[in-house]
Amino acid sequence: MDSFTMFSGLHFVTVAVCLLLVALVTKVGLTLRGMPGEVRLRHALAVATFIYWFVYNTWWNWGGFDLKEGLPLHICDLNAIFAALALLTGNRWVRAVLYFWTFALTSQAFLQPHLSYGPAHVVFWGFWGTHGLILACAVYDIVVLKFRPDWRDLGRTCVVSAIYIAIVMPIDLLLGANYAYVGNPADPKMIPPFVAALGPWPWRALAVCALATLAFVLVLLPWLAVSRTRRRREPGPFQAPNV
């Protein structure tokens, strides 16, 4: 209970529980769709995500700001804010960033979590709670609210991501941190194994950005295929629909 190991039984059980809870919330949202209860559920999920993010980050820095690792500057830290705002506002830019960041980047936290603390530590619950809530908001937006990403949404996400990297990389170099995994920290423990495998800095940072962009395209492809199939099934301008 004190430690967490990637691809262990605890890893698989934790991911399974997270997915089950996400599915449960989504199922309730579908059941309430079109009714005032759905709006209340949606807003409750958004507020819970923000409160969880705020409490966990406050706890982490309670004894003083840890500038190298405690600032809420990682992708998933910001994505939790986007998750809450997406469900509260319905803004297309925010929903686009939530979709691409979640399924291309935050999803990696479930596949290869950079975590060593087990359930006996608050860090374990903070890590999985935050990522689970982000996933819940993103899935809810797709399944219940019917968000469908397109090329313009990919462009919006790339713009926001480029601004984010342009801000966070100088902070990394100034503090010796590794937010967004594009920094060059002196402590190798701050570099996850799957990031370190990309080579030395600055090529590692370039590889991270290139892989993120590729991942954005990959998670868009299924929706492009769905859109193309739907257009093929629609009657043409001179073709009468089947009755």
Protein backbone atom coordinates (compact mmCIF):
# COMPACT_ATOMS: atom_id res chain seq x y z
CA MET A 1 0.00 0.00 0.00
CA ASP A 2 3.01 2.30 0.34
CA SER A 3 4.31 2.02 -3.22
CA PHE A 4 2.96 1.94 -6.76
CA THR A 5 4.53 0.02 -9.63
CA MET A 6 3.63 0.44 -13.27
CA PHE A 7 1.82 -2.56 -14.83
CA SER A 8 1.24 -4.13 -11.40
CA GLY A 9 -2.04 -5.55 -10.17
CA LEU A 10 -2.68 -2.29 -8.30
CA HIS A 11 -2.17 -0.38 -11.56
CA PHE A 12 -4.72 -2.45 -13.45
CA VAL A 13 -7.27 -2.38 -10.62
CA THR A 14 -6.94 1.39 -10.23
CA VAL A 15 -7.43 2.03 -13.93
CA ALA A 16 -10.41 -0.34 -13.99
CA VAL A 17 -12.05 1.50 -11.08
CA CYS A 18 -11.46 4.87 -12.77
CA LEU A 19 -13.02 3.66 -16.02
CA LEU A 20 -15.98 2.16 -14.16
CA LEU A 21 -16.67 5.44 -12.37
CA VAL A 22 -16.35 7.39 -15.64
CA ALA A 23 -18.80 5.01 -17.30
CA LEU A 24 -21.22 5.35 -14.38
CA VAL A 25 -21.26 9.16 -14.50
CA THR A 26 -21.66 9.08 -18.29
CA LYS A 27 -24.54 6.59 -18.05
CA VAL A 28 -26.37 8.81 -15.57
CA GLY A 29 -25.81 11.80 -17.85
CA LEU A 30 -27.30 9.93 -20.80
CA THR A 31 -30.29 8.92 -18.72
CA LEU A 32 -30.91 12.54 -17.71
CA ARG A 33 -30.21 14.01 -21.13
CA GLY A 34 -32.72 16.69 -22.11
CA MET A 35 -33.79 17.22 -18.50
CA PRO A 36 -32.72 19.82 -15.90
CA GLY A 37 -31.04 17.05 -13.93
CA GLU A 38 -28.46 16.61 -16.67
CA VAL A 39 -27.42 20.26 -16.41
CA ARG A 40 -27.11 19.94 -12.65
CA LEU A 41 -25.03 16.77 -13.00
CA ARG A 42 -22.80 18.41 -15.62
CA HIS A 43 -22.19 21.45 -13.46
CA ALA A 44 -21.61 19.30 -10.38
CA LEU A 45 -18.96 17.30 -12.24
CA ALA A 46 -17.26 20.51 -13.39
CA VAL A 47 -17.29 22.07 -9.92
CA ALA A 48 -16.05 18.82 -8.33
CA THR A 49 -13.16 18.75 -10.81
CA PHE A 50 -12.12 22.29 -9.97
CA ILE A 51 -12.48 21.80 -6.21
CA TYR A 52 -10.46 18.58 -6.31
CA TRP A 53 -7.74 20.32 -8.34
CA PHE A 54 -7.68 23.28 -5.94
CA VAL A 55 -7.58 21.19 -2.76
CA TYR A 56 -4.87 18.86 -4.05
CA ASN A 57 -2.62 21.67 -5.26
CA THR A 58 -3.15 23.58 -2.02
CA TRP A 59 -2.19 20.50 -0.01
CA TRP A 60 0.88 19.88 -2.18
CA ASN A 61 2.22 23.38 -1.55
CA TRP A 62 0.95 23.81 1.99
CA GLY A 63 4.45 24.03 3.43
CA GLY A 64 5.65 26.44 0.74
CA PHE A 65 5.72 26.48 -3.03
CA ASP A 66 7.83 23.74 -4.60
CA LEU A 67 8.88 25.73 -7.65
CA LYS A 68 10.40 22.79 -9.49
CA GLU A 69 7.51 20.35 -9.13
CA GLY A 70 4.65 21.99 -7.24
CA LEU A 71 3.45 24.69 -9.60
CA PRO A 72 0.26 23.69 -11.47
CA LEU A 73 1.95 23.96 -14.87
CA HIS A 74 1.87 20.42 -16.21
CA ILE A 75 -0.53 19.62 -19.04
CA CYS A 76 -2.85 17.72 -16.72
CA ASP A 77 -2.86 20.55 -14.17
CA LEU A 78 -4.12 22.97 -16.80
CA ASN A 79 -6.33 20.35 -18.42
CA ALA A 80 -8.29 19.99 -15.19
CA ILE A 81 -9.18 23.68 -15.48
CA PHE A 82 -10.12 23.23 -19.14
CA ALA A 83 -12.26 20.22 -18.14
CA ALA A 84 -14.26 22.23 -15.65
CA LEU A 85 -14.63 25.22 -17.98
CA ALA A 86 -15.67 23.03 -20.92
CA LEU A 87 -18.68 21.67 -19.05
CA LEU A 88 -19.56 25.02 -17.50
CA THR A 89 -19.24 27.25 -20.57
CA GLY A 90 -19.51 25.04 -23.66
CA ASN A 91 -16.85 27.19 -25.33
CA ARG A 92 -15.58 25.50 -28.50
CA TRP A 93 -11.91 26.38 -27.92
CA VAL A 94 -12.00 24.98 -24.40
CA ARG A 95 -13.82 21.82 -25.48
CA ALA A 96 -11.32 21.28 -28.28
CA VAL A 97 -8.34 21.55 -25.94
CA LEU A 98 -10.03 19.23 -23.44
CA TYR A 99 -10.60 16.58 -26.09
CA PHE A 100 -7.13 16.57 -27.65
CA TRP A 101 -5.16 17.05 -24.45
CA THR A 102 -7.15 14.33 -22.68
CA PHE A 103 -7.11 11.56 -25.26
CA ALA A 104 -3.67 12.30 -26.68
CA LEU A 105 -1.80 13.31 -23.51
CA THR A 106 -3.67 12.85 -20.22
CA SER A 107 -4.49 9.30 -21.30
CA GLN A 108 -0.79 8.49 -20.92
CA ALA A 109 -1.20 8.88 -17.17
CA PHE A 110 -3.40 5.79 -17.21
CA LEU A 111 -1.08 3.81 -19.50
CA GLN A 112 2.30 4.73 -18.01
CA PRO A 113 1.77 6.74 -14.80
CA HIS A 114 4.78 8.62 -13.42
CA LEU A 115 3.90 7.66 -9.84
CA SER A 116 5.66 5.78 -7.05
CA TYR A 117 3.32 6.34 -4.09
CA GLY A 118 0.66 3.78 -3.17
CA PRO A 119 -2.82 4.18 -1.64
CA ALA A 120 -1.34 4.91 1.78
CA HIS A 121 -0.27 8.35 0.51
CA VAL A 122 -2.33 11.39 -0.46
CA VAL A 123 -0.30 11.72 -3.66
CA PHE A 124 -1.81 8.49 -4.98
CA TRP A 125 -5.37 9.74 -4.53
CA GLY A 126 -4.50 13.18 -5.86
CA PHE A 127 -2.93 11.73 -8.99
CA TRP A 128 -5.72 9.31 -9.87
CA GLY A 129 -8.53 11.57 -8.71
CA THR A 130 -7.37 14.47 -10.88
CA HIS A 131 -6.77 12.36 -13.98
CA GLY A 132 -9.99 10.41 -13.47
CA LEU A 133 -12.06 13.59 -13.24
CA ILE A 134 -10.44 15.00 -16.39
CA LEU A 135 -11.28 11.80 -18.27
CA ALA A 136 -14.82 11.85 -16.90
CA CYS A 137 -15.37 15.40 -18.18
CA ALA A 138 -13.92 14.60 -21.62
CA VAL A 139 -15.98 11.43 -22.04
CA TYR A 140 -19.09 13.23 -20.80
CA ASP A 141 -18.55 15.97 -23.38
CA ILE A 142 -18.34 13.42 -26.19
CA VAL A 143 -21.02 10.93 -25.17
CA VAL A 144 -23.62 13.11 -23.47
CA LEU A 145 -23.00 16.56 -25.00
CA LYS A 146 -22.07 15.12 -28.43
CA PHE A 147 -18.87 17.10 -29.00
CA ARG A 148 -17.35 16.11 -32.35
CA PRO A 149 -13.83 17.40 -33.07
CA ASP A 150 -12.75 18.48 -36.54
CA TRP A 151 -9.69 19.99 -38.24
CA ARG A 152 -10.52 23.46 -36.90
CA ASP A 153 -10.56 22.08 -33.38
CA LEU A 154 -7.14 20.54 -34.00
CA GLY A 155 -5.92 23.95 -35.14
CA ARG A 156 -7.34 25.59 -32.02
CA THR A 157 -5.59 23.05 -29.82
CA CYS A 158 -2.27 23.50 -31.62
CA VAL A 159 -2.47 27.27 -31.10
CA VAL A 160 -3.17 26.89 -27.38
CA SER A 161 -0.47 24.21 -27.06
CA ALA A 162 2.12 26.38 -28.81
CA ILE A 163 1.36 29.29 -26.48
CA TYR A 164 1.60 26.95 -23.51
CA ILE A 165 5.01 25.60 -24.57
CA ALA A 166 6.28 29.11 -25.31
CA ILE A 167 5.42 30.07 -21.72
CA VAL A 168 6.42 26.93 -19.86
CA MET A 169 9.78 26.19 -21.52
CA PRO A 170 11.48 29.41 -20.30
CA ILE A 171 10.08 28.68 -16.82
CA ASP A 172 11.59 25.18 -17.00
CA LEU A 173 15.00 26.52 -17.98
CA LEU A 174 14.89 29.26 -15.33
CA LEU A 175 13.88 26.94 -12.47
CA GLY A 176 15.59 23.73 -13.61
CA ALA A 177 12.10 22.19 -13.78
CA ASN A 178 10.47 19.85 -16.27
CA TYR A 179 6.91 21.01 -16.70
CA ALA A 180 5.35 19.56 -19.87
CA TYR A 181 8.51 17.38 -20.02
CA VAL A 182 10.26 19.90 -22.26
CA GLY A 183 12.78 21.10 -19.68
CA ASN A 184 16.35 20.08 -18.96
CA PRO A 185 16.47 19.40 -15.21
CA ALA A 186 19.71 18.40 -13.53
CA ASP A 187 17.94 15.68 -11.53
CA PRO A 188 17.32 12.68 -13.84
CA LYS A 189 14.52 11.49 -11.55
CA MET A 190 12.42 14.38 -12.85
CA ILE A 191 12.48 12.86 -16.34
CA PRO A 192 10.11 9.90 -16.80
CA PRO A 193 11.71 6.86 -18.48
CA PHE A 194 9.50 7.12 -21.58
CA VAL A 195 10.60 10.76 -22.01
CA ALA A 196 14.27 10.09 -21.29
CA ALA A 197 14.21 7.46 -24.04
CA LEU A 198 13.69 10.27 -26.56
CA GLY A 199 17.29 11.38 -26.18
CA PRO A 200 19.16 14.41 -24.81
CA TRP A 201 17.79 17.92 -24.53
CA PRO A 202 16.89 19.95 -26.65
CA TRP A 203 16.09 17.16 -29.12
CA ARG A 204 14.03 15.50 -26.42
CA ALA A 205 11.84 18.60 -26.14
CA LEU A 206 11.38 18.75 -29.90
CA ALA A 207 10.47 15.05 -29.95
CA VAL A 208 7.88 15.56 -27.18
CA CYS A 209 6.22 18.36 -29.17
CA ALA A 210 6.30 16.34 -32.41
CA LEU A 211 4.84 13.25 -30.74
CA ALA A 212 2.12 15.33 -29.09
CA THR A 213 1.13 16.79 -32.47
CA LEU A 214 1.10 13.33 -34.01
CA ALA A 215 -1.07 12.08 -31.15
CA PHE A 216 -3.49 14.97 -31.76
CA VAL A 217 -3.87 13.86 -35.38
CA LEU A 218 -4.32 10.21 -34.41
CA VAL A 219 -7.16 10.91 -31.97
CA LEU A 220 -8.85 13.04 -34.64
CA LEU A 221 -8.78 10.34 -37.32
CA PRO A 222 -11.71 8.26 -35.98
CA TRP A 223 -14.00 11.31 -36.09
CA LEU A 224 -12.89 12.16 -39.62
CA ALA A 225 -13.78 8.61 -40.64
CA VAL A 226 -17.18 8.87 -38.95
CA SER A 227 -17.84 12.21 -40.66
CA ARG A 228 -16.89 10.83 -44.07
CA THR A 229 -19.11 7.78 -43.61
CA ARG A 230 -22.02 9.97 -42.57
CA ARG A 231 -21.62 12.20 -45.63
CA ARG A 232 -21.62 9.16 -47.92
CA ARG A 233 -24.89 7.96 -46.41
CA GLU A 234 -26.61 11.32 -46.84
CA PRO A 235 -28.65 11.70 -50.04
CA GLY A 236 -27.15 13.88 -52.75
CA PRO A 237 -28.81 17.10 -53.95
CA PHE A 238 -30.77 15.28 -56.68
CA GLN A 239 -31.30 11.99 -54.83
CA ALA A 240 -34.58 11.46 -53.05
CA PRO A 241 -34.20 10.01 -49.55
CA ASN A 242 -35.49 6.53 -48.92
CA VAL A 243 -38.93 6.44 -47.34
